[in-house]
């Protein structure tokens, strides 16, 4: 399920929860929220960049712990083992 960001509407006042912005996990078929779940202030959906994948360093660490090796090409047809 996707995570959506919401914040109180600019011309409205709300609680600390919605004034600072909050995230909600909702189904694609669910209608967007119109009111804060805590104080019922009107909210708007904020468009943010999606969080895709994991960092490359974490993938390298996981591969190393699983016993894989990383190679670096040093010459035509020659590779050096990094770990």
Protein backbone atom coordinates (compact mmCIF):
# COMPACT_ATOMS: atom_id res chain seq x y z
CA UNK A 1 0.00 0.00 0.00
CA UNK A 2 1.30 3.47 -0.81
CA UNK A 3 2.10 6.06 1.83
CA UNK A 4 0.61 9.53 1.40
CA UNK A 5 1.70 12.78 3.06
CA UNK A 6 -0.90 15.20 4.40
CA UNK A 7 -0.76 18.62 6.06
CA UNK A 8 -3.33 21.08 7.38
CA UNK A 9 -4.57 23.51 4.73
CA UNK A 10 -2.52 26.74 4.62
CA UNK A 11 -5.37 29.03 5.75
CA UNK A 12 -6.46 26.70 8.61
CA UNK A 13 -5.16 25.87 12.07
CA UNK A 14 -4.84 22.34 13.31
CA UNK A 15 -3.24 20.20 15.99
CA UNK A 16 0.49 19.50 16.26
CA UNK A 17 -0.04 16.24 14.35
CA UNK A 18 -1.40 17.81 11.16
CA UNK A 19 0.40 21.18 11.36
CA UNK A 20 3.79 19.45 11.07
CA UNK A 21 2.48 17.04 8.45
CA UNK A 22 1.81 13.32 8.75
CA UNK A 23 1.97 10.15 6.67
CA UNK A 24 -0.88 7.71 6.14
CA UNK A 25 -0.77 4.31 4.51
CA UNK A 26 -3.86 3.97 2.34
CA UNK A 27 -5.11 1.72 -0.43
CA UNK A 28 -5.22 3.10 -3.96
CA UNK A 29 -8.96 2.56 -3.96
CA UNK A 30 -9.45 4.66 -0.79
CA UNK A 31 -10.51 8.28 -1.29
CA UNK A 32 -7.96 10.88 -0.14
CA UNK A 33 -8.26 12.18 3.41
CA UNK A 34 -10.06 15.49 3.77
CA UNK A 35 -9.78 15.94 7.56
CA UNK A 36 -7.13 15.25 10.21
CA UNK A 37 -7.84 11.97 12.03
CA UNK A 38 -7.06 13.62 15.41
CA UNK A 39 -8.58 17.13 15.33
CA UNK A 40 -10.80 17.06 12.20
CA UNK A 41 -9.06 20.13 10.66
CA UNK A 42 -9.18 20.19 6.84
CA UNK A 43 -6.03 18.70 5.28
CA UNK A 44 -4.50 18.55 1.81
CA UNK A 45 -2.39 15.84 0.23
CA UNK A 46 1.24 16.86 -0.28
CA UNK A 47 3.15 15.62 -3.32
CA UNK A 48 6.56 14.26 -2.35
CA UNK A 49 9.30 12.29 -4.08
CA UNK A 50 8.83 8.53 -3.85
CA UNK A 51 11.22 6.45 -1.77
CA UNK A 52 12.53 3.83 -4.16
CA UNK A 53 14.79 0.93 -3.33
CA UNK A 54 17.63 0.82 -0.88
CA UNK A 55 21.04 2.39 -0.80
CA UNK A 56 23.79 0.71 -2.77
CA UNK A 57 26.00 0.44 0.31
CA UNK A 58 23.35 -1.62 2.11
CA UNK A 59 23.13 -3.93 -0.89
CA UNK A 60 26.92 -4.34 -0.89
CA UNK A 61 26.91 -5.15 2.84
CA UNK A 62 24.14 -7.71 2.42
CA UNK A 63 25.92 -9.34 -0.53
CA UNK A 64 29.20 -9.50 1.44
CA UNK A 65 27.50 -11.09 4.45
CA UNK A 66 25.88 -13.67 2.14
CA UNK A 67 29.32 -14.74 0.86
CA UNK A 68 29.37 -12.94 -2.50
CA UNK A 69 32.49 -11.18 -3.81
CA UNK A 70 32.81 -7.82 -5.52
CA UNK A 71 35.23 -7.51 -8.42
CA UNK A 72 36.75 -4.40 -10.00
CA UNK A 73 38.04 -4.39 -13.56
CA UNK A 74 41.71 -3.34 -13.58
CA UNK A 75 42.69 -4.25 -17.15
CA UNK A 76 41.29 -5.88 -20.26
CA UNK A 77 40.19 -9.28 -18.99
CA UNK A 78 41.74 -8.80 -15.54
CA UNK A 79 39.76 -8.23 -12.34
CA UNK A 80 40.75 -7.50 -8.76
CA UNK A 81 38.80 -8.93 -5.84
CA UNK A 82 37.62 -6.10 -3.53
CA UNK A 83 36.10 -8.37 -0.86
